Every structure is written in C-alpha cells, then in structure tokens.
Protein backbone atom coordinates (compact mmCIF):
# COMPACT_ATOMS: atom_id res chain seq x y z
CA MET A 1 -0.04 -0.04 0.19
CA LYS A 2 2.83 2.41 0.94
CA ASN A 3 4.45 1.87 -2.37
CA SER A 4 1.13 2.78 -4.29
CA ILE A 5 0.94 5.84 -2.28
CA ARG A 6 4.37 6.87 -3.01
CA ARG A 7 4.21 6.09 -6.59
CA GLN A 8 1.22 8.09 -7.09
CA LYS A 9 2.70 10.89 -5.09
CA LEU A 10 5.72 10.99 -7.45
CA LEU A 11 3.27 10.96 -10.38
CA HIS A 12 1.25 13.80 -9.09
CA ALA A 13 4.27 16.03 -8.29
CA ALA A 14 5.71 14.95 -11.79
CA GLU A 15 2.48 16.18 -13.51
CA ARG A 16 2.39 19.52 -11.55
CA LEU A 17 5.81 20.14 -12.43
CA PHE A 18 5.82 19.08 -16.06
CA LEU A 19 2.70 21.09 -16.77
CA CYS A 20 3.87 24.10 -15.29
CA ARG A 21 7.57 24.19 -16.55
CA GLY A 22 8.04 21.51 -19.06
CA PHE A 23 9.98 18.60 -19.52
CA ALA A 24 13.57 20.22 -19.81
CA SER A 25 13.10 22.62 -17.04
CA VAL A 26 12.27 19.88 -14.36
CA SER A 27 14.85 17.62 -12.65
CA THR A 28 14.26 14.46 -10.80
CA THR A 29 15.32 16.19 -7.75
CA ASP A 30 12.74 18.85 -8.18
CA ILE A 31 10.14 16.06 -8.63
CA ALA A 32 11.45 14.26 -5.23
CA ARG A 33 11.23 17.44 -3.32
CA GLU A 34 7.75 18.26 -4.65
CA ALA A 35 6.36 14.79 -3.55
CA GLY A 36 8.22 14.72 -0.30
CA CYS A 37 9.98 11.62 -1.27
CA ASN A 38 13.20 10.19 -1.64
CA HIS A 39 15.16 10.62 -4.99
CA ALA A 40 16.21 7.03 -5.41
CA LEU A 41 12.23 6.16 -5.46
CA ILE A 42 11.81 7.95 -8.98
CA HIS A 43 14.50 5.34 -10.41
CA TYR A 44 12.96 2.43 -8.26
CA TYR A 45 9.39 3.07 -9.63
CA PHE A 46 10.23 4.59 -13.05
CA GLY A 47 13.78 4.18 -14.23
CA ASN A 48 14.36 7.52 -15.18
CA LYS A 49 13.03 11.19 -16.07
CA GLU A 50 12.03 10.23 -19.49
CA ASP A 51 9.99 7.13 -18.44
CA LEU A 52 8.19 9.00 -15.73
CA PHE A 53 7.50 12.01 -18.08
CA ARG A 54 5.99 9.50 -20.73
CA GLU A 55 3.76 8.00 -18.38
CA VAL A 56 2.53 11.51 -17.08
CA PHE A 57 2.11 12.62 -20.84
CA LEU A 58 0.08 9.49 -21.78
CA GLU A 59 -2.17 9.61 -18.99
CA LYS A 60 -3.17 13.28 -20.08
CA ILE A 61 -3.77 12.08 -23.61
CA ARG A 62 -5.75 9.05 -22.42
CA GLN A 63 -7.69 11.48 -20.46
CA ILE A 64 -8.47 13.61 -23.55
CA LEU A 65 -9.57 10.49 -25.31
CA THR A 66 -11.41 8.96 -22.74
CA THR A 67 -13.41 12.40 -22.13
CA LEU A 68 -14.42 12.35 -25.98
CA MET A 69 -15.43 8.80 -25.77
CA ASN A 70 -17.66 9.33 -22.64
CA TYR A 71 -19.72 12.10 -24.72
CA LEU A 72 -19.92 10.06 -28.06
CA GLU A 73 -23.65 9.00 -28.60
CA ILE A 74 -24.02 8.93 -32.23
CA GLU A 75 -27.79 8.43 -32.14
CA ARG A 76 -27.98 12.28 -31.07
CA PRO A 77 -27.91 15.13 -33.36
CA ILE A 78 -24.47 16.30 -34.33
CA PHE A 79 -24.94 19.81 -32.94
CA GLU A 80 -25.77 18.51 -29.58
CA GLN A 81 -22.51 16.24 -29.76
CA THR A 82 -20.31 18.87 -30.87
CA ASP A 83 -21.49 21.00 -27.87
CA LYS A 84 -21.05 18.33 -25.52
CA PHE A 85 -17.55 17.80 -26.93
CA ILE A 86 -16.53 21.66 -26.48
CA ASP A 87 -18.27 21.74 -23.01
CA ALA A 88 -16.03 18.53 -22.11
CA TYR A 89 -12.74 20.08 -23.46
CA PHE A 90 -13.55 23.60 -21.75
CA ASP A 91 -14.18 21.50 -18.47
CA LEU A 92 -11.11 19.58 -18.74
CA LEU A 93 -8.61 22.41 -19.84
CA THR A 94 -10.43 24.44 -16.91
CA ALA A 95 -9.34 21.94 -14.55
CA ASN A 96 -5.83 21.57 -16.38
CA PRO A 97 -5.01 25.01 -17.65
CA ASN A 98 -1.38 24.46 -18.68
CA LEU A 99 -2.20 21.27 -20.50
CA PRO A 100 -2.35 22.93 -24.16
CA PHE A 101 1.03 24.66 -23.72
CA PHE A 102 2.52 21.31 -21.99
CA ILE A 103 0.94 19.11 -25.03
CA ILE A 104 1.99 21.49 -27.89
CA ASN A 105 5.58 22.37 -26.50
CA GLU A 106 6.54 18.56 -25.97
CA LEU A 107 5.00 17.43 -29.51
CA THR A 108 6.44 20.60 -31.46
CA LEU A 109 9.95 20.00 -29.72
CA ASN A 110 10.50 16.27 -29.56
CA ALA A 111 10.07 14.16 -32.69
CA GLU A 112 10.99 11.23 -30.73
CA ARG A 113 8.04 11.82 -28.30
CA ARG A 114 5.64 12.06 -31.27
CA ARG A 115 6.92 8.61 -32.44
CA TYR A 116 5.99 7.41 -29.01
CA LEU A 117 2.58 8.71 -28.78
CA ARG A 118 1.85 7.28 -32.42
CA VAL A 119 2.98 3.78 -31.29
CA ASN A 120 1.26 4.22 -27.96
CA PHE A 121 -1.90 5.90 -28.88
CA VAL A 122 -2.47 6.63 -32.49
CA ASP A 123 -2.78 2.85 -33.32
CA LYS A 124 -4.33 1.91 -30.15
CA PRO A 125 -8.22 0.58 -30.06
CA ILE A 126 -9.77 3.69 -28.27
CA THR A 127 -8.13 6.06 -30.48
CA ARG A 128 -9.34 3.79 -33.53
CA GLU A 129 -12.64 3.70 -31.84
CA VAL A 130 -13.07 7.53 -31.37
CA TYR A 131 -12.47 8.05 -34.85
CA GLN A 132 -14.98 5.37 -36.07
CA ARG A 133 -17.71 6.60 -33.89
CA VAL A 134 -17.23 10.43 -35.09
CA ASP A 135 -17.08 8.93 -38.47
CA MET A 136 -20.39 7.08 -38.24
CA MET A 137 -22.05 10.12 -36.75
CA ILE A 138 -20.75 12.47 -39.71
CA LYS A 139 -21.90 9.99 -42.45
CA LYS A 140 -25.38 9.74 -40.77
CA GLU A 141 -25.73 13.44 -40.70
CA ILE A 142 -24.15 14.31 -44.28
CA GLU A 143 -26.91 11.59 -45.73
CA GLN A 144 -29.50 13.24 -44.14
CA GLY A 145 -28.45 16.53 -45.70
CA ASN A 146 -27.93 18.37 -42.11
CA ILE A 147 -24.15 18.87 -42.63
CA ARG A 148 -21.63 19.40 -45.27
CA PRO A 149 -19.11 16.75 -46.32
CA ILE A 150 -16.23 16.82 -43.59
CA GLU A 151 -13.47 14.26 -42.49
CA PRO A 152 -13.73 13.10 -38.73
CA LYS A 153 -10.04 14.35 -38.46
CA ASP A 154 -10.94 17.90 -39.64
CA LEU A 155 -14.10 17.86 -37.41
CA LEU A 156 -11.96 16.72 -34.22
CA LEU A 157 -9.14 19.29 -35.18
CA ASP A 158 -11.73 22.17 -35.64
CA ILE A 159 -13.04 21.50 -32.13
CA ALA A 160 -9.75 21.13 -30.55
CA GLY A 161 -8.30 24.12 -32.11
CA VAL A 162 -11.31 26.48 -31.40
CA THR A 163 -11.10 25.61 -27.79
CA VAL A 164 -7.27 25.03 -27.08
CA PHE A 165 -6.54 28.60 -28.42
CA SER A 166 -9.13 30.14 -26.16
CA PHE A 167 -6.73 29.08 -23.18
CA ILE A 168 -3.57 29.80 -25.21
CA ALA A 169 -4.86 33.19 -25.04
CA VAL A 170 -5.31 33.51 -21.55
CA PRO A 171 -1.73 34.87 -20.67
CA ALA A 172 -2.26 37.55 -23.13
CA TYR A 173 -5.96 38.52 -21.81
CA ARG A 174 -4.38 38.69 -18.13
CA ASP A 175 -1.45 40.94 -19.49
CA PHE A 176 -3.46 43.26 -22.10
CA ILE A 177 -6.59 43.38 -20.52
CA THR A 178 -7.20 42.35 -17.11
CA ASP A 179 -6.12 39.68 -14.58
CA ASP A 180 -9.39 40.06 -12.67
CA ALA A 181 -10.57 36.40 -11.83
CA ASP A 182 -14.31 37.27 -12.51
CA SER A 183 -13.38 38.86 -16.03
CA LEU A 184 -11.55 35.91 -16.93
CA ASN A 185 -14.14 33.50 -16.08
CA LEU A 186 -16.41 35.61 -18.25
CA PHE A 187 -13.99 35.72 -21.14
CA LEU A 188 -13.67 31.99 -21.12
CA ALA A 189 -17.43 31.36 -20.76
CA ASP A 190 -18.01 33.79 -23.85
CA ARG A 191 -15.16 31.66 -25.83
CA ARG A 192 -17.08 28.34 -24.77
CA GLN A 193 -20.51 29.74 -26.55
CA GLU A 194 -18.36 31.39 -29.51
CA ALA A 195 -16.70 27.93 -30.04
CA LYS A 196 -19.92 26.27 -30.21
CA LEU A 197 -21.39 28.68 -32.58
CA LEU A 198 -18.20 28.81 -34.98
CA ILE A 199 -18.60 24.91 -35.16
CA ARG A 200 -22.04 24.63 -35.71
CA ARG A 201 -21.87 27.31 -38.64
CA GLY A 202 -18.74 25.62 -39.98
CA LEU A 203 -20.76 22.56 -40.31
CA LEU A 204 -23.91 23.94 -42.06
CA PRO A 205 -24.25 22.36 -45.85
CA LEU A 206 -22.50 24.94 -48.38
C-alpha cells in the first residue's frame, strides 16, 4: 500500500511540475522534493525522468480521449454532440489550464515523443474507436443533408483548435486586458459559446 501511495505522489508531483515548467526545466530532484519522497524512488518506480514523463504525458492524452469517448452518442444530433465535446474540452482545460502549452510544447519540440505517441496511442483501440464513431456520426448527418461533407479528423481538429486557442490566449488576456478572476471567467464562458457557434456554422451545408 505504501509503495502505491509513494508512486502516486511522485506521479502527481511530476505532473504538476511538468505542466507548469515543461520537461527540460524539471529535474528528478525537483520532483522528489515536490513529492516529499526520496530521490532514489523515482529510479525504483520509473527508471528515469523520461519514463516518468512518458507516463504523465500518456495519461493526459488518455484523459482527452476518454473524455471524448464518454460524450460520444452517435444517435444524438451532431450539433448536440459538438456542443458536448466543446463543453467537455472546456471543463477539462479549466481543470488543467497548462495542458495545452504542455502538449503543444512537447509534441512540437520532440520528434521522438511524437513517434512514441503514435505507437502508444494513435494505433490503439480507443483512438480507432473514437475516430470510427465520429465517422459514423458524420456520415449519418451528411446522408440526411444536415451538414456538409467533412472528415472526422477535420471536425476533431476544428473543435480542438477553437477550444485550445481560447486557453492559449489567457496569458495575453491577463497581461493586455485584466487579470481579474471574474473577468477571466466571463472571457472563457464567452469563448465557450463562441466555439459552439463557430463549429455549428462551419458544419452547415454549403
């Protein structure tokens, strides 16, 4: 039991530090100190910093895919589904505001990590199932004349793009407009509704 608790403490500490500072700026000593654990436990449980990082990184990607899967109900109208996806993304990123910077930085800067992600997620059953279910939903709506033709990857990227950029814009909003918490919450609430409208309008038949 103690081993499990210590391992989780290290994972949580690593997640907090990696999300805030990125892989390169965090040492195993930092992680051990943050977790209140012996430095040697990192090597005992995870081997090295890269393996610990991969576990944290994959868990965040898994969390995104699981969130999508939980909201996928292909029998519902597509606009209800896209609204649910956007709400789910906004809720996830509100709870993890550094997640967009974390994923973008690490995928952009590290080709080896992109290859690792492909092997460990892109070709996995949960990823294929999300894609296939979105594809089924889209085809049904196209056949009914409700939306224009669009590929599943484009719809998912459109939703992710309008959502993620809202959170990427937060530091600029704080610096250029205001860092008042209520104003920031209102900004994100407005962006949530705007994202829904943009996706809906983008799907309408041409």
